[in-house]
Amino acid sequence: MVNFAGVPFRNRVTLASGTCGFGRELSELFDLSLIGGLCTKGLTLSPRAGNPPPRSAETPMGMLNSVGLQNPGVDAFIRDELPFMRSLGTRVIANFSGATPEEFAEVAARLADSGVDMLEVNISCPNVKAEGMAFGTSAIAAAQVTAAVKRVAGSTPVMVKLSPNVTNITDIAHACEDSGADALSLINTLLGMRFDLRTRSPILANGTGGLSGPAIFPVALRMVWQVANAVRIPILGLGGIASPDDACEMLIAGATLIGVGSAMFRDPLLPARIAAELEDS
């Protein structure tokens, strides 16, 4: 068992938000109780249809996505998906977003009352009160959201997911820690884009998207290492992990748990294999 922010995890491996849905498809391929935890796809107060297609594209050593937080809304998740996730024998980490600190708090309150094991606050989303700036790029805004969520979370631990699209990630990490965060997860995707040479237009309908996959692994390692040496709260490290060796490097950098994401699109059984190899090491 691994204690993470007061929550006992079977092992150090989790599935990253947005890459495993609510676990239904992956549960047909392997026993999800073999991993420590499952992060839901990003939830919002109301249902969202997401961005128009195309909303994913391959890149060398990775992929771009601009899904746009497609999800059924927090109430439908609690009613229709959470009972299934609770039956899987692994920890349920609820990832969620909001347009304002008040909306973050409203979603957090509903999730905390539902009995999820941990809240993952996605602050890499547009802030309508700051002219489109992401909460995750401002220490002040990150602190406001963290404090708002902590006020309603009760005994449910609060983990804040940090954006790498910043000048100094330790400033954001300190702001979240000082505002009561119980843990941090990092990194989220890096902002990128690609063009179709025939049309001379962006491949993604939204123009830009989030870059994930092995290409961002060295960036993720560097940021986890920096944050681990700057804060006292535990870290879930993710971003480009594609092998057991990558997972070990992330733990050396200072993470307590690791998250596997885009690599599952190529090898859905990878998280279970990493968990088994870490236990044997």
C-alpha atoms as a PDB file:
ATOM      1  CA  MET A   1       0.000   0.000   0.000  1.00  0.00           C
ATOM      2  CA  VAL A   2       1.062   3.583  -0.716  1.00  0.00           C
ATOM      3  CA  ASN A   3      -0.266   6.445   1.399  1.00  0.00           C
ATOM      4  CA  PHE A   4      -0.978   9.487  -0.739  1.00  0.00           C
ATOM      5  CA  ALA A   5      -2.462  12.538   0.970  1.00  0.00           C
ATOM      6  CA  GLY A   6      -4.066  10.239   3.531  1.00  0.00           C
ATOM      7  CA  VAL A   7      -5.566   7.870   0.950  1.00  0.00           C
ATOM      8  CA  PRO A   8      -4.183   4.300   0.772  1.00  0.00           C
ATOM      9  CA  PHE A   9      -3.474   3.207  -2.814  1.00  0.00           C
ATOM     10  CA  ARG A  10      -2.805  -0.417  -3.706  1.00  0.00           C
ATOM     11  CA  ASN A  11       0.239   0.658  -5.729  1.00  0.00           C
ATOM     12  CA  ARG A  12       1.788   3.730  -7.321  1.00  0.00           C
ATOM     13  CA  VAL A  13       0.090   3.532 -10.743  1.00  0.00           C
ATOM     14  CA  THR A  14      -2.934   5.590 -11.795  1.00  0.00           C
ATOM     15  CA  LEU A  15      -4.657   6.161 -15.129  1.00  0.00           C
ATOM     16  CA  ALA A  16      -4.553   9.785 -16.256  1.00  0.00           C
ATOM     17  CA  SER A  17      -7.693  11.825 -16.757  1.00  0.00           C
ATOM     18  CA  GLY A  18      -9.092  11.951 -20.265  1.00  0.00           C
ATOM     19  CA  THR A  19      -7.332   8.803 -21.461  1.00  0.00           C
ATOM     20  CA  CYS A  20      -9.476   6.103 -19.891  1.00  0.00           C
ATOM     21  CA  GLY A  21     -12.988   7.560 -19.883  1.00  0.00           C
ATOM     22  CA  PHE A  22     -14.753   6.140 -16.833  1.00  0.00           C
ATOM     23  CA  GLY A  23     -12.997   2.787 -17.072  1.00  0.00           C
ATOM     24  CA  ARG A  24     -15.685   0.824 -18.899  1.00  0.00           C
ATOM     25  CA  GLU A  25     -13.687   0.054 -22.042  1.00  0.00           C
ATOM     26  CA  LEU A  26     -10.441  -0.747 -20.227  1.00  0.00           C
ATOM     27  CA  SER A  27     -12.254  -2.999 -17.745  1.00  0.00           C
ATOM     28  CA  GLU A  28     -12.932  -5.343 -20.662  1.00  0.00           C
ATOM     29  CA  LEU A  29      -9.186  -5.687 -21.282  1.00  0.00           C
ATOM     30  CA  PHE A  30      -7.716  -6.124 -17.801  1.00  0.00           C
ATOM     31  CA  ASP A  31      -8.603  -6.162 -14.114  1.00  0.00           C
ATOM     32  CA  LEU A  32      -8.512  -2.518 -13.035  1.00  0.00           C
ATOM     33  CA  SER A  33      -8.057  -3.531  -9.400  1.00  0.00           C
ATOM     34  CA  LEU A  34      -4.438  -4.246 -10.410  1.00  0.00           C
ATOM     35  CA  ILE A  35      -3.739  -0.509 -10.501  1.00  0.00           C
ATOM     36  CA  GLY A  36      -3.808   2.047  -7.729  1.00  0.00           C
ATOM     37  CA  GLY A  37      -6.310   4.551  -9.061  1.00  0.00           C
ATOM     38  CA  LEU A  38      -8.379   5.810 -11.967  1.00  0.00           C
ATOM     39  CA  CYS A  39      -8.793   9.510 -12.802  1.00  0.00           C
ATOM     40  CA  THR A  40     -12.124  10.285 -14.447  1.00  0.00           C
ATOM     41  CA  LYS A  41     -12.323  12.271 -17.654  1.00  0.00           C
ATOM     42  CA  GLY A  42     -12.773  15.950 -16.906  1.00  0.00           C
ATOM     43  CA  LEU A  43     -16.156  16.758 -15.368  1.00  0.00           C
ATOM     44  CA  THR A  44     -18.048  20.049 -15.459  1.00  0.00           C
ATOM     45  CA  LEU A  45     -21.191  21.392 -13.818  1.00  0.00           C
ATOM     46  CA  SER A  46     -23.284  20.960 -16.990  1.00  0.00           C
ATOM     47  CA  PRO A  47     -22.903  18.457 -19.840  1.00  0.00           C
ATOM     48  CA  ARG A  48     -20.502  19.465 -22.602  1.00  0.00           C
ATOM     49  CA  ALA A  49     -20.427  18.255 -26.188  1.00  0.00           C
ATOM     50  CA  GLY A  50     -16.783  19.201 -26.595  1.00  0.00           C
ATOM     51  CA  ASN A  51     -15.033  20.826 -29.532  1.00  0.00           C
ATOM     52  CA  PRO A  52     -15.881  20.090 -33.181  1.00  0.00           C
ATOM     53  CA  PRO A  53     -13.779  17.501 -35.050  1.00  0.00           C
ATOM     54  CA  PRO A  54     -11.082  16.929 -35.987  1.00  0.00           C
ATOM     55  CA  ARG A  55      -9.890  17.144 -32.395  1.00  0.00           C
ATOM     56  CA  SER A  56      -6.872  14.832 -32.310  1.00  0.00           C
ATOM     57  CA  ALA A  57      -3.739  14.509 -34.427  1.00  0.00           C
ATOM     58  CA  GLU A  58      -0.560  12.460 -34.343  1.00  0.00           C
ATOM     59  CA  THR A  59       2.795  14.123 -33.813  1.00  0.00           C
ATOM     60  CA  PRO A  60       6.320  12.688 -33.688  1.00  0.00           C
ATOM     61  CA  MET A  61       6.522  10.872 -30.331  1.00  0.00           C
ATOM     62  CA  GLY A  62       3.093  12.037 -29.206  1.00  0.00           C
ATOM     63  CA  MET A  63      -0.334  13.374 -30.037  1.00  0.00           C
ATOM     64  CA  LEU A  64      -2.344  16.577 -29.953  1.00  0.00           C
ATOM     65  CA  ASN A  65      -5.880  16.698 -28.630  1.00  0.00           C
ATOM     66  CA  SER A  66      -8.522  19.364 -28.335  1.00  0.00           C
ATOM     67  CA  VAL A  67     -11.498  17.345 -27.096  1.00  0.00           C
ATOM     68  CA  GLY A  68     -12.915  20.274 -25.143  1.00  0.00           C
ATOM     69  CA  LEU A  69     -13.934  18.546 -21.902  1.00  0.00           C
ATOM     70  CA  GLN A  70     -16.687  16.439 -23.470  1.00  0.00           C
ATOM     71  CA  ASN A  71     -18.541  14.887 -20.530  1.00  0.00           C
ATOM     72  CA  PRO A  72     -22.069  14.127 -19.276  1.00  0.00           C
ATOM     73  CA  GLY A  73     -21.964  16.660 -16.429  1.00  0.00           C
ATOM     74  CA  VAL A  74     -21.264  16.018 -12.764  1.00  0.00           C
ATOM     75  CA  ASP A  75     -24.783  14.915 -11.782  1.00  0.00           C
ATOM     76  CA  ALA A  76     -25.027  12.351 -14.593  1.00  0.00           C
ATOM     77  CA  PHE A  77     -21.555  11.087 -13.684  1.00  0.00           C
ATOM     78  CA  ILE A  78     -22.557  10.545 -10.064  1.00  0.00           C
ATOM     79  CA  ARG A  79     -25.769   8.802 -11.083  1.00  0.00           C
ATOM     80  CA  ASP A  80     -24.625   6.730 -14.061  1.00  0.00           C
ATOM     81  CA  GLU A  81     -20.864   6.212 -13.894  1.00  0.00           C
ATOM     82  CA  LEU A  82     -19.657   6.411 -10.309  1.00  0.00           C
ATOM     83  CA  PRO A  83     -21.412   3.222  -9.083  1.00  0.00           C
ATOM     84  CA  PHE A  84     -19.623   1.270 -11.820  1.00  0.00           C
ATOM     85  CA  MET A  85     -16.277   2.875 -11.009  1.00  0.00           C
ATOM     86  CA  ARG A  86     -16.695   2.100  -7.319  1.00  0.00           C
ATOM     87  CA  SER A  87     -17.126  -1.584  -8.243  1.00  0.00           C
ATOM     88  CA  LEU A  88     -13.719  -1.795  -9.922  1.00  0.00           C
ATOM     89  CA  GLY A  89     -11.681  -2.212  -6.744  1.00  0.00           C
ATOM     90  CA  THR A  90      -9.447   0.803  -7.346  1.00  0.00           C
ATOM     91  CA  ARG A  91      -9.363   4.367  -6.055  1.00  0.00           C
ATOM     92  CA  VAL A  92     -11.574   6.871  -7.895  1.00  0.00           C
ATOM     93  CA  ILE A  93     -10.039  10.302  -8.478  1.00  0.00           C
ATOM     94  CA  ALA A  94     -12.570  12.805  -9.834  1.00  0.00           C
ATOM     95  CA  ASN A  95     -11.043  15.318 -12.246  1.00  0.00           C
ATOM     96  CA  PHE A  96     -13.144  18.450 -12.774  1.00  0.00           C
ATOM     97  CA  SER A  97     -13.126  22.000 -14.070  1.00  0.00           C
ATOM     98  CA  GLY A  98     -15.086  25.209 -13.728  1.00  0.00           C
ATOM     99  CA  ALA A  99     -15.403  28.623 -15.319  1.00  0.00           C
ATOM    100  CA  THR A 100     -15.151  30.536 -12.020  1.00  0.00           C
ATOM    101  CA  PRO A 101     -13.945  29.730  -8.485  1.00  0.00           C
ATOM    102  CA  GLU A 102     -17.596  29.527  -7.438  1.00  0.00           C
ATOM    103  CA  GLU A 103     -18.335  26.958 -10.148  1.00  0.00           C
ATOM    104  CA  PHE A 104     -15.287  24.914  -9.183  1.00  0.00           C
ATOM    105  CA  ALA A 105     -16.616  24.885  -5.618  1.00  0.00           C
ATOM    106  CA  GLU A 106     -20.104  23.819  -6.681  1.00  0.00           C
ATOM    107  CA  VAL A 107     -18.796  20.863  -8.667  1.00  0.00           C
ATOM    108  CA  ALA A 108     -16.369  19.957  -5.867  1.00  0.00           C
ATOM    109  CA  ALA A 109     -19.133  19.944  -3.259  1.00  0.00           C
ATOM    110  CA  ARG A 110     -21.240  17.517  -5.276  1.00  0.00           C
ATOM    111  CA  LEU A 111     -18.295  15.213  -5.902  1.00  0.00           C
ATOM    112  CA  ALA A 112     -17.167  15.268  -2.271  1.00  0.00           C
ATOM    113  CA  ASP A 113     -20.681  14.299  -1.170  1.00  0.00           C
ATOM    114  CA  SER A 114     -20.706  11.440  -3.696  1.00  0.00           C
ATOM    115  CA  GLY A 115     -17.915   9.532  -1.983  1.00  0.00           C
ATOM    116  CA  VAL A 116     -15.074   9.729  -4.515  1.00  0.00           C
ATOM    117  CA  ASP A 117     -11.655   9.059  -2.998  1.00  0.00           C
ATOM    118  CA  MET A 118      -9.959  12.256  -4.139  1.00  0.00           C
ATOM    119  CA  LEU A 119     -10.638  15.444  -6.073  1.00  0.00           C
ATOM    120  CA  GLU A 120      -8.331  16.482  -8.927  1.00  0.00           C
ATOM    121  CA  VAL A 121      -8.821  20.170  -9.664  1.00  0.00           C
ATOM    122  CA  ASN A 122      -8.031  20.911 -13.306  1.00  0.00           C
ATOM    123  CA  ILE A 123      -6.930  24.553 -13.277  1.00  0.00           C
ATOM    124  CA  SER A 124      -5.743  24.436 -16.894  1.00  0.00           C
ATOM    125  CA  CYS A 125      -9.051  25.699 -18.255  1.00  0.00           C
ATOM    126  CA  PRO A 126     -10.340  29.144 -19.376  1.00  0.00           C
ATOM    127  CA  ASN A 127     -11.090  31.660 -16.657  1.00  0.00           C
ATOM    128  CA  VAL A 128     -14.067  33.701 -17.828  1.00  0.00           C
ATOM    129  CA  LYS A 129     -13.350  36.332 -15.170  1.00  0.00           C
ATOM    130  CA  ALA A 130      -9.824  36.905 -16.523  1.00  0.00           C
ATOM    131  CA  GLU A 131     -10.413  37.281 -20.263  1.00  0.00           C
ATOM    132  CA  GLY A 132      -9.684  33.681 -21.168  1.00  0.00           C
ATOM    133  CA  MET A 133      -6.532  33.264 -19.092  1.00  0.00           C
ATOM    134  CA  ALA A 134      -6.162  29.783 -17.659  1.00  0.00           C
ATOM    135  CA  PHE A 135      -6.419  29.559 -13.864  1.00  0.00           C
ATOM    136  CA  GLY A 136      -3.241  27.495 -13.932  1.00  0.00           C
ATOM    137  CA  THR A 137      -1.073  30.309 -15.302  1.00  0.00           C
ATOM    138  CA  SER A 138      -1.706  32.722 -12.419  1.00  0.00           C
ATOM    139  CA  ALA A 139      -0.606  32.062  -8.856  1.00  0.00           C
ATOM    140  CA  ILE A 140      -3.378  34.338  -7.568  1.00  0.00           C
ATOM    141  CA  ALA A 141      -6.093  32.602  -9.597  1.00  0.00           C
ATOM    142  CA  ALA A 142      -4.767  29.140  -8.713  1.00  0.00           C
ATOM    143  CA  ALA A 143      -4.861  30.065  -5.038  1.00  0.00           C
ATOM    144  CA  GLN A 144      -8.430  31.356  -5.308  1.00  0.00           C
ATOM    145  CA  VAL A 145      -9.670  28.141  -6.904  1.00  0.00           C
ATOM    146  CA  THR A 146      -7.790  25.923  -4.464  1.00  0.00           C
ATOM    147  CA  ALA A 147      -9.175  27.788  -1.460  1.00  0.00           C
ATOM    148  CA  ALA A 148     -12.725  27.709  -2.858  1.00  0.00           C
ATOM    149  CA  VAL A 149     -12.564  23.943  -3.384  1.00  0.00           C
ATOM    150  CA  LYS A 150     -11.001  23.261   0.021  1.00  0.00           C
ATOM    151  CA  ARG A 151     -13.831  25.118   1.761  1.00  0.00           C
ATOM    152  CA  VAL A 152     -16.400  22.607   0.462  1.00  0.00           C
ATOM    153  CA  ALA A 153     -14.344  19.405   0.136  1.00  0.00           C
ATOM    154  CA  GLY A 154     -14.784  18.259   3.727  1.00  0.00           C
ATOM    155  CA  SER A 155     -12.626  15.199   4.391  1.00  0.00           C
ATOM    156  CA  THR A 156     -12.030  14.477   0.682  1.00  0.00           C
ATOM    157  CA  PRO A 157      -8.401  15.251  -0.211  1.00  0.00           C
ATOM    158  CA  VAL A 158      -7.861  17.948  -2.840  1.00  0.00           C
ATOM    159  CA  MET A 159      -5.190  17.518  -5.518  1.00  0.00           C
ATOM    160  CA  VAL A 160      -4.530  20.376  -7.960  1.00  0.00           C
ATOM    161  CA  LYS A 161      -3.405  19.560 -11.517  1.00  0.00           C
ATOM    162  CA  LEU A 162      -0.796  22.036 -12.721  1.00  0.00           C
ATOM    163  CA  SER A 163      -0.275  23.429 -16.207  1.00  0.00           C
ATOM    164  CA  PRO A 164       3.208  23.335 -17.750  1.00  0.00           C
ATOM    165  CA  ASN A 165       2.412  26.400 -19.862  1.00  0.00           C
ATOM    166  CA  VAL A 166       3.885  28.791 -17.303  1.00  0.00           C
ATOM    167  CA  THR A 167       7.119  30.658 -16.686  1.00  0.00           C
ATOM    168  CA  ASN A 168       7.745  29.258 -13.200  1.00  0.00           C
ATOM    169  CA  ILE A 169       5.701  26.240 -12.127  1.00  0.00           C
ATOM    170  CA  THR A 170       6.982  26.384  -8.548  1.00  0.00           C
ATOM    171  CA  ASP A 171       5.205  29.728  -8.027  1.00  0.00           C
ATOM    172  CA  ILE A 172       1.884  28.055  -8.908  1.00  0.00           C
ATOM    173  CA  ALA A 173       2.716  25.019  -6.770  1.00  0.00           C
ATOM    174  CA  HIS A 174       3.477  27.203  -3.744  1.00  0.00           C
ATOM    175  CA  ALA A 175       0.225  29.127  -4.224  1.00  0.00           C
ATOM    176  CA  CYS A 176      -1.813  25.915  -4.253  1.00  0.00           C
ATOM    177  CA  GLU A 177       0.015  24.476  -1.245  1.00  0.00           C
ATOM    178  CA  ASP A 178      -0.395  27.687   0.755  1.00  0.00           C
ATOM    179  CA  SER A 179      -4.133  27.671  -0.074  1.00  0.00           C
ATOM    180  CA  GLY A 180      -4.635  24.205   1.384  1.00  0.00           C
ATOM    181  CA  ALA A 181      -4.003  21.715  -1.429  1.00  0.00           C
ATOM    182  CA  ASP A 182      -3.344  18.222  -0.082  1.00  0.00           C
ATOM    183  CA  ALA A 183      -1.434  17.101  -3.200  1.00  0.00           C
ATOM    184  CA  LEU A 184      -0.417  18.169  -6.693  1.00  0.00           C
ATOM    185  CA  SER A 185      -0.521  16.392 -10.041  1.00  0.00           C
ATOM    186  CA  LEU A 186       1.688  17.446 -12.934  1.00  0.00           C
ATOM    187  CA  ILE A 187       2.033  17.972 -15.736  1.00  0.00           C
ATOM    188  CA  ASN A 188      -0.986  18.648 -17.883  1.00  0.00           C
ATOM    189  CA  THR A 189      -0.475  18.885 -21.656  1.00  0.00           C
ATOM    190  CA  LEU A 190       1.739  21.415 -23.404  1.00  0.00           C
ATOM    191  CA  LEU A 191       0.086  23.759 -25.888  1.00  0.00           C
ATOM    192  CA  GLY A 192       0.883  22.907 -29.514  1.00  0.00           C
ATOM    193  CA  MET A 193      -0.426  22.749 -33.068  1.00  0.00           C
ATOM    194  CA  ARG A 194       0.104  21.227 -36.528  1.00  0.00           C
ATOM    195  CA  PHE A 195      -0.822  22.307 -40.069  1.00  0.00           C
ATOM    196  CA  ASP A 196      -2.231  20.396 -43.022  1.00  0.00           C
ATOM    197  CA  LEU A 197       0.185  21.203 -45.855  1.00  0.00           C
ATOM    198  CA  ARG A 198      -2.487  20.710 -48.511  1.00  0.00           C
ATOM    199  CA  THR A 199      -4.954  23.189 -47.033  1.00  0.00           C
ATOM    200  CA  ARG A 200      -2.419  25.326 -45.120  1.00  0.00           C
ATOM    201  CA  SER A 201      -4.874  25.211 -42.210  1.00  0.00           C
ATOM    202  CA  PRO A 202      -4.484  23.834 -38.678  1.00  0.00           C
ATOM    203  CA  ILE A 203      -5.211  20.100 -38.481  1.00  0.00           C
ATOM    204  CA  LEU A 204      -7.279  20.569 -35.331  1.00  0.00           C
ATOM    205  CA  ALA A 205     -10.583  22.384 -35.782  1.00  0.00           C
ATOM    206  CA  ASN A 206      -9.814  24.380 -32.643  1.00  0.00           C
ATOM    207  CA  GLY A 207      -6.432  25.425 -34.027  1.00  0.00           C
ATOM    208  CA  THR A 208      -4.305  24.490 -31.029  1.00  0.00           C
ATOM    209  CA  GLY A 209      -4.409  21.505 -28.699  1.00  0.00           C
ATOM    210  CA  GLY A 210      -2.659  19.776 -25.843  1.00  0.00           C
ATOM    211  CA  LEU A 211       0.542  17.862 -26.649  1.00  0.00           C
ATOM    212  CA  SER A 212       1.012  14.591 -24.760  1.00  0.00           C
ATOM    213  CA  GLY A 213       3.086  11.443 -25.170  1.00  0.00           C
ATOM    214  CA  PRO A 214       6.804  10.591 -24.888  1.00  0.00           C
ATOM    215  CA  ALA A 215       7.830  13.927 -26.435  1.00  0.00           C
ATOM    216  CA  ILE A 216       6.907  15.768 -23.232  1.00  0.00           C
ATOM    217  CA  PHE A 217       8.459  13.293 -20.776  1.00  0.00           C
ATOM    218  CA  PRO A 218      11.709  15.231 -20.166  1.00  0.00           C
ATOM    219  CA  VAL A 219       9.698  18.402 -19.536  1.00  0.00           C
ATOM    220  CA  ALA A 220       7.449  16.552 -17.093  1.00  0.00           C
ATOM    221  CA  LEU A 221      10.435  15.100 -15.245  1.00  0.00           C
ATOM    222  CA  ARG A 222      12.059  18.513 -14.912  1.00  0.00           C
ATOM    223  CA  MET A 223       8.888  20.121 -13.573  1.00  0.00           C
ATOM    224  CA  VAL A 224       8.139  17.306 -11.115  1.00  0.00           C
ATOM    225  CA  TRP A 225      11.710  17.532  -9.839  1.00  0.00           C
ATOM    226  CA  GLN A 226      11.450  21.300  -9.420  1.00  0.00           C
ATOM    227  CA  VAL A 227       8.117  21.142  -7.612  1.00  0.00           C
ATOM    228  CA  ALA A 228       9.137  18.191  -5.416  1.00  0.00           C
ATOM    229  CA  ASN A 229      12.056  20.272  -4.167  1.00  0.00           C
ATOM    230  CA  ALA A 230       9.816  23.276  -3.497  1.00  0.00           C
ATOM    231  CA  VAL A 231       6.745  21.899  -1.678  1.00  0.00           C
ATOM    232  CA  ARG A 232       5.994  19.542   1.203  1.00  0.00           C
ATOM    233  CA  ILE A 233       2.827  17.934  -0.174  1.00  0.00           C
ATOM    234  CA  PRO A 234       2.954  14.749  -2.307  1.00  0.00           C
ATOM    235  CA  ILE A 235       2.980  14.686  -6.106  1.00  0.00           C
ATOM    236  CA  LEU A 236       1.321  12.530  -8.735  1.00  0.00           C
ATOM    237  CA  GLY A 237       3.747  12.692 -11.654  1.00  0.00           C
ATOM    238  CA  LEU A 238       2.595  12.241 -15.227  1.00  0.00           C
ATOM    239  CA  GLY A 239       3.374  13.340 -18.748  1.00  0.00           C
ATOM    240  CA  GLY A 240       4.806  11.019 -21.365  1.00  0.00           C
ATOM    241  CA  ILE A 241       5.339   7.913 -19.234  1.00  0.00           C
ATOM    242  CA  ALA A 242       5.567   5.007 -21.691  1.00  0.00           C
ATOM    243  CA  SER A 243       7.502   2.258 -19.885  1.00  0.00           C
ATOM    244  CA  PRO A 244       8.349   0.903 -16.429  1.00  0.00           C
ATOM    245  CA  ASP A 245      11.715   2.676 -16.669  1.00  0.00           C
ATOM    246  CA  ASP A 246       9.939   5.983 -17.285  1.00  0.00           C
ATOM    247  CA  ALA A 247       7.833   5.363 -14.182  1.00  0.00           C
ATOM    248  CA  CYS A 248      10.963   4.738 -12.118  1.00  0.00           C
ATOM    249  CA  GLU A 249      12.510   7.989 -13.356  1.00  0.00           C
ATOM    250  CA  MET A 250       9.375   9.873 -12.355  1.00  0.00           C
ATOM    251  CA  LEU A 251       9.551   8.402  -8.857  1.00  0.00           C
ATOM    252  CA  ILE A 252      13.237   9.355  -8.620  1.00  0.00           C
ATOM    253  CA  ALA A 253      12.286  12.911  -9.636  1.00  0.00           C
ATOM    254  CA  GLY A 254      10.080  13.113  -6.548  1.00  0.00           C
ATOM    255  CA  ALA A 255       6.634  11.737  -7.418  1.00  0.00           C
ATOM    256  CA  THR A 256       4.824   9.443  -4.999  1.00  0.00           C
ATOM    257  CA  LEU A 257       2.280   8.198  -7.550  1.00  0.00           C
ATOM    258  CA  ILE A 258       2.590   8.131 -11.348  1.00  0.00           C
ATOM    259  CA  GLY A 259      -0.037   8.523 -14.057  1.00  0.00           C
ATOM    260  CA  VAL A 260      -0.127   6.707 -17.394  1.00  0.00           C
ATOM    261  CA  GLY A 261      -2.020   8.461 -20.172  1.00  0.00           C
ATOM    262  CA  SER A 262      -1.479   8.610 -23.924  1.00  0.00           C
ATOM    263  CA  ALA A 263       0.682   5.476 -23.942  1.00  0.00           C
ATOM    264  CA  MET A 264      -2.471   3.441 -23.278  1.00  0.00           C
ATOM    265  CA  PHE A 265      -3.735   4.224 -26.772  1.00  0.00           C
ATOM    266  CA  ARG A 266      -0.837   2.142 -28.108  1.00  0.00           C
ATOM    267  CA  ASP A 267      -0.677  -0.423 -25.308  1.00  0.00           C
ATOM    268  CA  PRO A 268      -3.779  -0.599 -23.075  1.00  0.00           C
ATOM    269  CA  LEU A 269      -2.131  -3.176 -20.801  1.00  0.00           C
ATOM    270  CA  LEU A 270       0.867  -0.959 -20.014  1.00  0.00           C
ATOM    271  CA  PRO A 271      -0.413   0.351 -16.623  1.00  0.00           C
ATOM    272  CA  ALA A 272      -0.848  -3.162 -15.223  1.00  0.00           C
ATOM    273  CA  ARG A 273       2.623  -4.143 -16.464  1.00  0.00           C
ATOM    274  CA  ILE A 274       4.195  -1.051 -14.878  1.00  0.00           C
ATOM    275  CA  ALA A 275       2.401  -1.790 -11.584  1.00  0.00           C
ATOM    276  CA  ALA A 276       3.672  -5.371 -11.582  1.00  0.00           C
ATOM    277  CA  GLU A 277       7.260  -4.361 -12.369  1.00  0.00           C
ATOM    278  CA  LEU A 278       7.298  -1.647  -9.705  1.00  0.00           C
ATOM    279  CA  GLU A 279       6.097  -4.142  -7.110  1.00  0.00           C
ATOM    280  CA  ASP A 280       8.857  -6.550  -8.108  1.00  0.00           C
ATOM    281  CA  SER A 281      11.605  -3.923  -7.993  1.00  0.00           C
END
